[in-house]
C-alpha atoms as a PDB file:
ATOM      1  CA  MET A   1     134.712  -5.500 290.520  1.00  0.00           C
ATOM      2  CA  SER A   2     131.272  -6.728 291.588  1.00  0.00           C
ATOM      3  CA  ASN A   3     130.361 -10.409 291.428  1.00  0.00           C
ATOM      4  CA  PRO A   4     127.938 -10.007 288.465  1.00  0.00           C
ATOM      5  CA  MET A   5     130.587  -8.160 286.443  1.00  0.00           C
ATOM      6  CA  PHE A   6     133.163 -10.784 287.393  1.00  0.00           C
ATOM      7  CA  VAL A   7     130.888 -13.581 286.187  1.00  0.00           C
ATOM      8  CA  LEU A   8     130.014 -11.672 283.000  1.00  0.00           C
ATOM      9  CA  THR A   9     133.695 -11.141 282.228  1.00  0.00           C
ATOM     10  CA  LEU A  10     134.402 -14.858 282.680  1.00  0.00           C
ATOM     11  CA  MET A  11     131.461 -15.715 280.420  1.00  0.00           C
ATOM     12  CA  LEU A  12     132.785 -13.356 277.770  1.00  0.00           C
ATOM     13  CA  MET A  13     136.198 -15.009 277.936  1.00  0.00           C
ATOM     14  CA  VAL A  14     134.546 -18.406 277.429  1.00  0.00           C
ATOM     15  CA  ALA A  15     132.437 -17.053 274.554  1.00  0.00           C
ATOM     16  CA  TYR A  16     135.417 -15.566 272.713  1.00  0.00           C
ATOM     17  CA  SER A  17     137.413 -18.763 273.270  1.00  0.00           C
ATOM     18  CA  GLY A  18     134.529 -20.801 271.851  1.00  0.00           C
ATOM     19  CA  ILE A  19     134.218 -18.617 268.761  1.00  0.00           C
ATOM     20  CA  SER A  20     137.985 -18.784 268.217  1.00  0.00           C
ATOM     21  CA  TRP A  21     137.942 -22.581 268.460  1.00  0.00           C
ATOM     22  CA  HIS A  22     134.991 -22.738 266.045  1.00  0.00           C
ATOM     23  CA  VAL A  23     136.747 -20.611 263.413  1.00  0.00           C
ATOM     24  CA  PHE A  24     140.066 -22.427 263.918  1.00  0.00           C
ATOM     25  CA  HIS A  25     138.312 -25.790 263.483  1.00  0.00           C
ATOM     26  CA  TYR A  26     136.895 -24.716 260.125  1.00  0.00           C
ATOM     27  CA  SER A  27     140.209 -23.218 259.032  1.00  0.00           C
ATOM     28  CA  GLN A  28     141.940 -26.577 259.573  1.00  0.00           C
ATOM     29  CA  ALA A  29     139.236 -28.783 258.091  1.00  0.00           C
ATOM     30  CA  SER A  30     139.689 -29.731 254.439  1.00  0.00           C
ATOM     31  CA  ALA A  31     136.080 -30.886 254.094  1.00  0.00           C
ATOM     32  CA  GLY A  32     132.848 -30.691 256.031  1.00  0.00           C
ATOM     33  CA  PRO A  33     129.669 -28.620 256.317  1.00  0.00           C
ATOM     34  CA  GLU A  34     129.786 -25.081 255.001  1.00  0.00           C
ATOM     35  CA  ARG A  35     130.192 -22.289 257.537  1.00  0.00           C
ATOM     36  CA  ASN A  36     127.269 -19.982 258.228  1.00  0.00           C
ATOM     37  CA  ILE A  37     129.025 -16.600 258.211  1.00  0.00           C
ATOM     38  CA  ARG A  38     125.853 -14.627 258.931  1.00  0.00           C
ATOM     39  CA  ARG A  39     125.142 -16.713 262.001  1.00  0.00           C
ATOM     40  CA  GLU A  40     128.682 -16.144 263.258  1.00  0.00           C
ATOM     41  CA  GLN A  41     128.272 -12.395 262.729  1.00  0.00           C
ATOM     42  CA  ALA A  42     124.994 -12.436 264.685  1.00  0.00           C
ATOM     43  CA  VAL A  43     126.565 -14.354 267.574  1.00  0.00           C
ATOM     44  CA  LEU A  44     129.562 -12.022 267.668  1.00  0.00           C
ATOM     45  CA  GLY A  45     127.254  -9.010 267.618  1.00  0.00           C
ATOM     46  CA  VAL A  46     125.440 -10.264 270.732  1.00  0.00           C
ATOM     47  CA  VAL A  47     128.743 -11.002 272.500  1.00  0.00           C
ATOM     48  CA  LEU A  48     129.982  -7.498 271.662  1.00  0.00           C
ATOM     49  CA  LEU A  49     126.889  -5.998 273.299  1.00  0.00           C
ATOM     50  CA  PHE A  50     127.625  -7.811 276.557  1.00  0.00           C
ATOM     51  CA  HIS A  51     131.316  -6.932 276.167  1.00  0.00           C
ATOM     52  CA  ALA A  52     130.382  -3.245 275.931  1.00  0.00           C
ATOM     53  CA  PHE A  53     128.347  -3.491 279.127  1.00  0.00           C
ATOM     54  CA  ALA A  54     131.206  -5.274 280.917  1.00  0.00           C
ATOM     55  CA  VAL A  55     133.963  -2.805 279.999  1.00  0.00           C
ATOM     56  CA  LEU A  56     132.079   0.494 279.785  1.00  0.00           C
ATOM     57  CA  GLY A  57     129.708   0.079 282.732  1.00  0.00           C
ATOM     58  CA  PRO A  58     132.343   0.004 285.521  1.00  0.00           C
ATOM     59  CA  MET A  59     134.105   3.067 284.082  1.00  0.00           C
ATOM     60  CA  VAL A  60     131.234   5.417 284.926  1.00  0.00           C
ATOM     61  CA  GLY A  61     130.553   6.005 288.572  1.00  0.00           C
ATOM     62  CA  GLY A  62     128.622   9.092 289.562  1.00  0.00           C
ATOM     63  CA  ALA A  63     130.610  12.294 289.166  1.00  0.00           C
ATOM     64  CA  VAL A  64     133.895  10.610 288.266  1.00  0.00           C
ATOM     65  CA  LEU A  65     135.249   8.528 285.410  1.00  0.00           C
ATOM     66  CA  SER A  66     137.455   5.528 286.197  1.00  0.00           C
ATOM     67  CA  ILE A  67     139.836   4.348 283.473  1.00  0.00           C
ATOM     68  CA  GLY A  68     142.304   1.850 284.884  1.00  0.00           C
ATOM     69  CA  VAL A  69     144.965   0.201 282.777  1.00  0.00           C
ATOM     70  CA  GLY A  70     143.071  -3.105 282.616  1.00  0.00           C
ATOM     71  CA  GLN A  71     139.852  -1.340 281.693  1.00  0.00           C
ATOM     72  CA  ALA A  72     141.611   0.694 279.005  1.00  0.00           C
ATOM     73  CA  LEU A  73     143.070  -2.418 277.376  1.00  0.00           C
ATOM     74  CA  ALA A  74     139.704  -4.191 277.481  1.00  0.00           C
ATOM     75  CA  VAL A  75     138.005  -1.191 275.862  1.00  0.00           C
ATOM     76  CA  VAL A  76     140.620  -1.067 273.093  1.00  0.00           C
ATOM     77  CA  ALA A  77     140.131  -4.802 272.429  1.00  0.00           C
ATOM     78  CA  TRP A  78     136.353  -4.282 272.319  1.00  0.00           C
ATOM     79  CA  LEU A  79     136.736  -1.426 269.837  1.00  0.00           C
ATOM     80  CA  MET A  80     139.044  -3.552 267.679  1.00  0.00           C
ATOM     81  CA  LEU A  81     136.453  -6.326 267.519  1.00  0.00           C
ATOM     82  CA  LEU A  82     133.662  -3.829 266.890  1.00  0.00           C
ATOM     83  CA  ILE A  83     135.603  -2.374 263.949  1.00  0.00           C
ATOM     84  CA  TYR A  84     136.323  -5.897 262.667  1.00  0.00           C
ATOM     85  CA  TRP A  85     132.666  -6.930 263.044  1.00  0.00           C
ATOM     86  CA  THR A  86     131.462  -3.858 261.137  1.00  0.00           C
ATOM     87  CA  ALA A  87     134.055  -4.335 258.387  1.00  0.00           C
ATOM     88  CA  SER A  88     133.105  -8.025 258.005  1.00  0.00           C
ATOM     89  CA  PHE A  89     129.810  -6.964 256.382  1.00  0.00           C
ATOM     90  CA  PHE A  90     131.640  -5.108 253.596  1.00  0.00           C
ATOM     91  CA  TYR A  91     135.128  -6.636 253.224  1.00  0.00           C
ATOM     92  CA  ARG A  92     136.767 -10.024 253.313  1.00  0.00           C
ATOM     93  CA  VAL A  93     138.353 -10.025 256.760  1.00  0.00           C
ATOM     94  CA  ASP A  94     137.766 -13.663 257.646  1.00  0.00           C
ATOM     95  CA  GLY A  95     140.679 -15.165 259.553  1.00  0.00           C
ATOM     96  CA  LEU A  96     141.560 -12.032 261.513  1.00  0.00           C
ATOM     97  CA  GLN A  97     139.260 -13.076 264.354  1.00  0.00           C
ATOM     98  CA  LEU A  98     141.617 -15.991 265.053  1.00  0.00           C
ATOM     99  CA  PHE A  99     144.046 -13.418 266.450  1.00  0.00           C
ATOM    100  CA  MET A 100     141.721 -10.692 267.706  1.00  0.00           C
ATOM    101  CA  MET A 101     139.454 -12.855 269.867  1.00  0.00           C
ATOM    102  CA  PRO A 102     142.312 -14.423 271.850  1.00  0.00           C
ATOM    103  CA  LEU A 103     143.509 -10.847 272.377  1.00  0.00           C
ATOM    104  CA  ALA A 104     140.077 -10.011 273.796  1.00  0.00           C
ATOM    105  CA  VAL A 105     140.347 -12.993 276.149  1.00  0.00           C
ATOM    106  CA  LEU A 106     143.778 -11.855 277.338  1.00  0.00           C
ATOM    107  CA  THR A 107     142.713  -8.241 277.918  1.00  0.00           C
ATOM    108  CA  LEU A 108     139.561  -9.292 279.771  1.00  0.00           C
ATOM    109  CA  GLY A 109     141.651 -11.570 281.975  1.00  0.00           C
ATOM    110  CA  PHE A 110     144.137  -8.770 282.536  1.00  0.00           C
ATOM    111  CA  SER A 111     141.302  -6.434 283.555  1.00  0.00           C
ATOM    112  CA  LEU A 112     140.253  -8.957 286.217  1.00  0.00           C
ATOM    113  CA  VAL A 113     143.736  -9.371 287.678  1.00  0.00           C
ATOM    114  CA  PHE A 114     145.085  -5.826 287.167  1.00  0.00           C
ATOM    115  CA  PRO A 115     142.112  -3.478 286.791  1.00  0.00           C
ATOM    116  CA  GLY A 116     144.120  -0.405 287.799  1.00  0.00           C
ATOM    117  CA  HIS A 117     142.557   2.695 289.282  1.00  0.00           C
ATOM    118  CA  HIS A 118     142.708   6.012 287.485  1.00  0.00           C
ATOM    119  CA  VAL A 119     139.869   8.292 288.596  1.00  0.00           C
ATOM    120  CA  ILE A 120     139.215  11.455 286.615  1.00  0.00           C
ATOM    121  CA  PRO A 121     136.772  14.120 287.845  1.00  0.00           C
ATOM    122  CA  ASP A 122     134.347  16.078 285.689  1.00  0.00           C
ATOM    123  CA  PRO A 123     133.493  13.330 283.152  1.00  0.00           C
ATOM    124  CA  GLY A 124     130.876  15.593 281.595  1.00  0.00           C
ATOM    125  CA  ASN A 125     133.512  17.896 280.107  1.00  0.00           C
ATOM    126  CA  PRO A 126     132.911  17.729 276.305  1.00  0.00           C
ATOM    127  CA  ALA A 127     136.579  18.340 275.429  1.00  0.00           C
ATOM    128  CA  PHE A 128     137.694  15.511 277.685  1.00  0.00           C
ATOM    129  CA  ILE A 129     135.059  13.066 276.381  1.00  0.00           C
ATOM    130  CA  LEU A 130     136.035  13.919 272.797  1.00  0.00           C
ATOM    131  CA  HIS A 131     139.709  13.384 273.603  1.00  0.00           C
ATOM    132  CA  ILE A 132     139.065   9.981 275.213  1.00  0.00           C
ATOM    133  CA  LEU A 133     136.794   8.692 272.416  1.00  0.00           C
ATOM    134  CA  VAL A 134     139.058   9.820 269.592  1.00  0.00           C
ATOM    135  CA  SER A 135     142.177   8.499 271.359  1.00  0.00           C
ATOM    136  CA  MET A 136     140.636   5.076 272.011  1.00  0.00           C
ATOM    137  CA  LEU A 137     139.506   4.779 268.399  1.00  0.00           C
ATOM    138  CA  ALA A 138     142.951   5.782 267.158  1.00  0.00           C
ATOM    139  CA  TYR A 139     144.690   3.225 269.412  1.00  0.00           C
ATOM    140  CA  SER A 140     142.273   0.518 268.255  1.00  0.00           C
ATOM    141  CA  LEU A 141     142.860   1.231 264.577  1.00  0.00           C
ATOM    142  CA  PHE A 142     146.630   1.298 264.986  1.00  0.00           C
ATOM    143  CA  ALA A 143     146.426  -1.988 266.919  1.00  0.00           C
ATOM    144  CA  ILE A 144     144.532  -3.514 263.979  1.00  0.00           C
ATOM    145  CA  GLY A 145     147.152  -2.077 261.626  1.00  0.00           C
ATOM    146  CA  ALA A 146     149.941  -3.646 263.711  1.00  0.00           C
ATOM    147  CA  LEU A 147     148.101  -6.990 263.687  1.00  0.00           C
ATOM    148  CA  LEU A 148     147.766  -6.821 259.905  1.00  0.00           C
ATOM    149  CA  ALA A 149     151.482  -6.008 259.631  1.00  0.00           C
ATOM    150  CA  ILE A 150     152.354  -9.081 261.710  1.00  0.00           C
ATOM    151  CA  LEU A 151     150.074 -11.269 259.583  1.00  0.00           C
ATOM    152  CA  MET A 152     151.662  -9.852 256.427  1.00  0.00           C
ATOM    153  CA  LEU A 153     155.114 -10.702 257.742  1.00  0.00           C
ATOM    154  CA  ALA A 154     154.073 -14.245 258.661  1.00  0.00           C
ATOM    155  CA  MET A 155     152.365 -14.807 255.304  1.00  0.00           C
ATOM    156  CA  GLU A 156     155.312 -13.379 253.372  1.00  0.00           C
ATOM    157  CA  ARG A 157     157.732 -15.733 255.135  1.00  0.00           C
ATOM    158  CA  ALA A 158     155.404 -18.699 254.556  1.00  0.00           C
ATOM    159  CA  LEU A 159     155.161 -17.888 250.848  1.00  0.00           C
ATOM    160  CA  HIS A 160     158.935 -17.511 250.496  1.00  0.00           C
ATOM    161  CA  ALA A 161     159.418 -20.849 252.259  1.00  0.00           C
ATOM    162  CA  LYS A 162     156.663 -22.345 250.062  1.00  0.00           C
ATOM    163  CA  ARG A 163     154.621 -23.415 253.089  1.00  0.00           C
ATOM    164  CA  ARG A 164     150.898 -23.176 252.377  1.00  0.00           C
ATOM    165  CA  THR A 165     149.353 -24.077 255.722  1.00  0.00           C
ATOM    166  CA  PRO A 166     145.544 -24.172 256.166  1.00  0.00           C
ATOM    167  CA  LEU A 167     145.763 -21.071 258.342  1.00  0.00           C
ATOM    168  CA  VAL A 168     147.633 -19.119 255.649  1.00  0.00           C
ATOM    169  CA  ASN A 169     145.128 -20.244 253.047  1.00  0.00           C
ATOM    170  CA  HIS A 170     142.310 -19.056 255.305  1.00  0.00           C
ATOM    171  CA  LEU A 171     143.612 -15.479 255.495  1.00  0.00           C
ATOM    172  CA  PRO A 172     142.906 -12.800 252.869  1.00  0.00           C
ATOM    173  CA  PRO A 173     145.509 -12.412 250.087  1.00  0.00           C
ATOM    174  CA  LEU A 174     148.724 -10.574 250.933  1.00  0.00           C
ATOM    175  CA  LEU A 175     147.869  -7.562 248.769  1.00  0.00           C
ATOM    176  CA  SER A 176     144.442  -7.330 250.430  1.00  0.00           C
ATOM    177  CA  LEU A 177     146.064  -7.352 253.870  1.00  0.00           C
ATOM    178  CA  GLU A 178     148.432  -4.585 252.801  1.00  0.00           C
ATOM    179  CA  ARG A 179     145.599  -2.498 251.376  1.00  0.00           C
ATOM    180  CA  MET A 180     143.555  -2.935 254.566  1.00  0.00           C
ATOM    181  CA  MET A 181     146.575  -2.050 256.676  1.00  0.00           C
ATOM    182  CA  PHE A 182     147.111   1.288 254.956  1.00  0.00           C
ATOM    183  CA  GLN A 183     143.391   2.054 255.053  1.00  0.00           C
ATOM    184  CA  VAL A 184     143.181   1.606 258.828  1.00  0.00           C
ATOM    185  CA  LEU A 185     146.498   3.425 259.329  1.00  0.00           C
ATOM    186  CA  THR A 186     145.222   6.408 257.344  1.00  0.00           C
ATOM    187  CA  VAL A 187     142.036   6.670 259.393  1.00  0.00           C
ATOM    188  CA  GLY A 188     144.006   6.050 262.585  1.00  0.00           C
ATOM    189  CA  PHE A 189     146.455   8.815 261.683  1.00  0.00           C
ATOM    190  CA  VAL A 190     143.609  11.297 261.199  1.00  0.00           C
ATOM    191  CA  LEU A 191     142.138  10.323 264.573  1.00  0.00           C
ATOM    192  CA  LEU A 192     145.547  10.489 266.273  1.00  0.00           C
ATOM    193  CA  SER A 193     145.996  14.000 264.881  1.00  0.00           C
ATOM    194  CA  LEU A 194     142.610  14.967 266.305  1.00  0.00           C
ATOM    195  CA  ALA A 195     143.524  13.330 269.621  1.00  0.00           C
ATOM    196  CA  LEU A 196     146.719  15.375 269.897  1.00  0.00           C
ATOM    197  CA  LEU A 197     144.840  18.569 269.074  1.00  0.00           C
ATOM    198  CA  SER A 198     141.992  17.767 271.467  1.00  0.00           C
ATOM    199  CA  GLY A 199     144.622  17.000 274.102  1.00  0.00           C
ATOM    200  CA  LEU A 200     145.662  20.638 273.961  1.00  0.00           C
ATOM    201  CA  VAL A 201     142.073  21.736 274.553  1.00  0.00           C
ATOM    202  CA  PHE A 202     141.626  19.119 277.267  1.00  0.00           C
ATOM    203  CA  SER A 203     144.691  20.300 279.168  1.00  0.00           C
ATOM    204  CA  GLU A 204     143.659  23.945 279.069  1.00  0.00           C
ATOM    205  CA  THR A 205     139.980  23.461 279.957  1.00  0.00           C
ATOM    206  CA  VAL A 206     140.317  20.822 282.686  1.00  0.00           C
ATOM    207  CA  PHE A 207     143.670  21.546 284.340  1.00  0.00           C
ATOM    208  CA  GLY A 208     143.915  25.241 283.519  1.00  0.00           C
ATOM    209  CA  GLN A 209     147.475  24.908 282.240  1.00  0.00           C
ATOM    210  CA  PRO A 210     149.110  24.160 278.884  1.00  0.00           C
ATOM    211  CA  VAL A 211     150.445  20.753 277.941  1.00  0.00           C
ATOM    212  CA  THR A 212     153.656  19.908 279.758  1.00  0.00           C
ATOM    213  CA  LEU A 213     156.564  18.078 278.163  1.00  0.00           C
ATOM    214  CA  THR A 214     156.212  14.556 279.578  1.00  0.00           C
ATOM    215  CA  HIS A 215     157.306  11.188 278.197  1.00  0.00           C
ATOM    216  CA  LYS A 216     153.682  10.616 277.170  1.00  0.00           C
ATOM    217  CA  THR A 217     153.686  13.773 275.075  1.00  0.00           C
ATOM    218  CA  VAL A 218     157.098  13.008 273.586  1.00  0.00           C
ATOM    219  CA  PHE A 219     156.252   9.428 272.600  1.00  0.00           C
ATOM    220  CA  GLY A 220     152.861  10.557 271.276  1.00  0.00           C
ATOM    221  CA  VAL A 221     154.436  13.135 268.972  1.00  0.00           C
ATOM    222  CA  ILE A 222     157.201  10.741 267.845  1.00  0.00           C
ATOM    223  CA  SER A 223     154.628   8.071 266.992  1.00  0.00           C
ATOM    224  CA  TRP A 224     152.637  10.674 265.029  1.00  0.00           C
ATOM    225  CA  LEU A 225     155.773  11.636 263.093  1.00  0.00           C
ATOM    226  CA  THR A 226     156.519   7.949 262.426  1.00  0.00           C
ATOM    227  CA  PHE A 227     153.097   7.282 260.937  1.00  0.00           C
ATOM    228  CA  ALA A 228     153.248  10.562 259.017  1.00  0.00           C
ATOM    229  CA  GLY A 229     156.574   9.454 257.531  1.00  0.00           C
ATOM    230  CA  LEU A 230     155.132   6.048 256.616  1.00  0.00           C
ATOM    231  CA  LEU A 231     152.083   7.489 254.869  1.00  0.00           C
ATOM    232  CA  PHE A 232     154.255  10.051 253.056  1.00  0.00           C
ATOM    233  CA  GLY A 233     156.634   7.313 251.937  1.00  0.00           C
ATOM    234  CA  ARG A 234     153.703   5.234 250.728  1.00  0.00           C
ATOM    235  CA  SER A 235     152.275   8.151 248.758  1.00  0.00           C
ATOM    236  CA  ARG A 236     155.572   9.566 247.433  1.00  0.00           C
ATOM    237  CA  TYR A 237     157.763   6.499 246.994  1.00  0.00           C
ATOM    238  CA  GLY A 238     155.285   3.624 246.968  1.00  0.00           C
ATOM    239  CA  TRP A 239     156.595   1.989 250.153  1.00  0.00           C
ATOM    240  CA  ARG A 240     155.213  -1.469 250.753  1.00  0.00           C
ATOM    241  CA  GLY A 241     156.244  -4.885 252.022  1.00  0.00           C
ATOM    242  CA  ARG A 242     158.739  -5.150 254.844  1.00  0.00           C
ATOM    243  CA  ILE A 243     159.635  -1.474 255.007  1.00  0.00           C
ATOM    244  CA  ALA A 244     155.966  -0.631 255.584  1.00  0.00           C
ATOM    245  CA  ILE A 245     155.680  -3.415 258.151  1.00  0.00           C
ATOM    246  CA  ARG A 246     158.700  -2.147 260.096  1.00  0.00           C
ATOM    247  CA  TRP A 247     157.456   1.443 260.186  1.00  0.00           C
ATOM    248  CA  THR A 248     154.002   0.284 261.274  1.00  0.00           C
ATOM    249  CA  LEU A 249     155.293  -1.846 264.141  1.00  0.00           C
ATOM    250  CA  VAL A 250     157.753   0.816 265.330  1.00  0.00           C
ATOM    251  CA  GLY A 251     155.036   3.469 265.297  1.00  0.00           C
ATOM    252  CA  PHE A 252     152.631   1.215 267.187  1.00  0.00           C
ATOM    253  CA  VAL A 253     155.208   0.393 269.877  1.00  0.00           C
ATOM    254  CA  LEU A 254     155.941   4.114 270.342  1.00  0.00           C
ATOM    255  CA  LEU A 255     152.218   4.844 270.625  1.00  0.00           C
ATOM    256  CA  MET A 256     151.712   2.117 273.216  1.00  0.00           C
ATOM    257  CA  MET A 257     154.683   3.429 275.217  1.00  0.00           C
ATOM    258  CA  ALA A 258     153.032   6.844 275.217  1.00  0.00           C
ATOM    259  CA  TYR A 259     149.773   5.679 276.763  1.00  0.00           C
ATOM    260  CA  ILE A 260     149.558   2.065 277.916  1.00  0.00           C
ATOM    261  CA  GLY A 261     153.195   1.989 279.016  1.00  0.00           C
ATOM    262  CA  SER A 262     152.761   5.070 281.178  1.00  0.00           C
ATOM    263  CA  LYS A 263     149.571   3.690 282.751  1.00  0.00           C
ATOM    264  CA  ILE A 264     151.262   0.381 283.597  1.00  0.00           C
ATOM    265  CA  VAL A 265     154.187   2.144 285.241  1.00  0.00           C
ATOM    266  CA  LEU A 266     152.052   4.641 287.171  1.00  0.00           C
ATOM    267  CA  GLU A 267     149.197   2.364 288.253  1.00  0.00           C
ATOM    268  CA  LEU A 268     150.741  -1.090 288.628  1.00  0.00           C
ATOM    269  CA  ILE A 269     154.352  -0.316 289.550  1.00  0.00           C
ATOM    270  CA  LEU A 270     154.262   3.073 291.293  1.00  0.00           C
ATOM    271  CA  LYS A 271     150.667   2.577 292.590  1.00  0.00           C
ATOM    272  CA  ARG A 272     149.659   6.117 291.650  1.00  0.00           C
ATOM    273  CA  THR A 273     146.083   6.975 290.683  1.00  0.00           C
END
């Protein structure tokens, strides 16, 4: 990574840390000046622009496309924040940034220490570009769904224990979190379905051979079946609460094992590109 990109990444980590501290400070304060939500959205929008330049710029290099494990995680975190930022103009999602921005800091730091090196030729192939974009969006939405599931679990336990902390009070209501979770899971499931289908096209057009049965393919299909079962159970039997949380987290772990897990093993442990 070049020195300017290194400095930009550090500045982004500081910026996200500062925004997180700002929001956390207001979430803990019982009194004080009113927050300017629009100003916070404007600041986050500017930071996201620089974040896009930092994580997308190094991926493109001439006739090849480089997607290392650290870069992939940073891109997913950027997409998660971009989705959150867009949704903040239409829905009450305040409080989620307390968890998403530290995640952005961690992934940016990880990309500095373990960038990985996975070079792919022919980046202009439309099928491949479609597969990458749809897959990244699907992973980002499922990551948001998993985060919402964790917040639901924490809030449910706090309510049962009758502990109303300032942080819990700052989050959206439990039913709103559940509704948002199923909304993002539904969109994510559609995109994951498209990613699996585009993966078939990608394999045939780029490698000239059909999809082989690898652990990535197996975990990808199992995660798809898990989310399909969850959405069917929600529609047919009205699943909600802890059963929905468990299915969401299991499906997300399987999905991460299919992609991120394989990249970590291949690039960081086996040193294969």
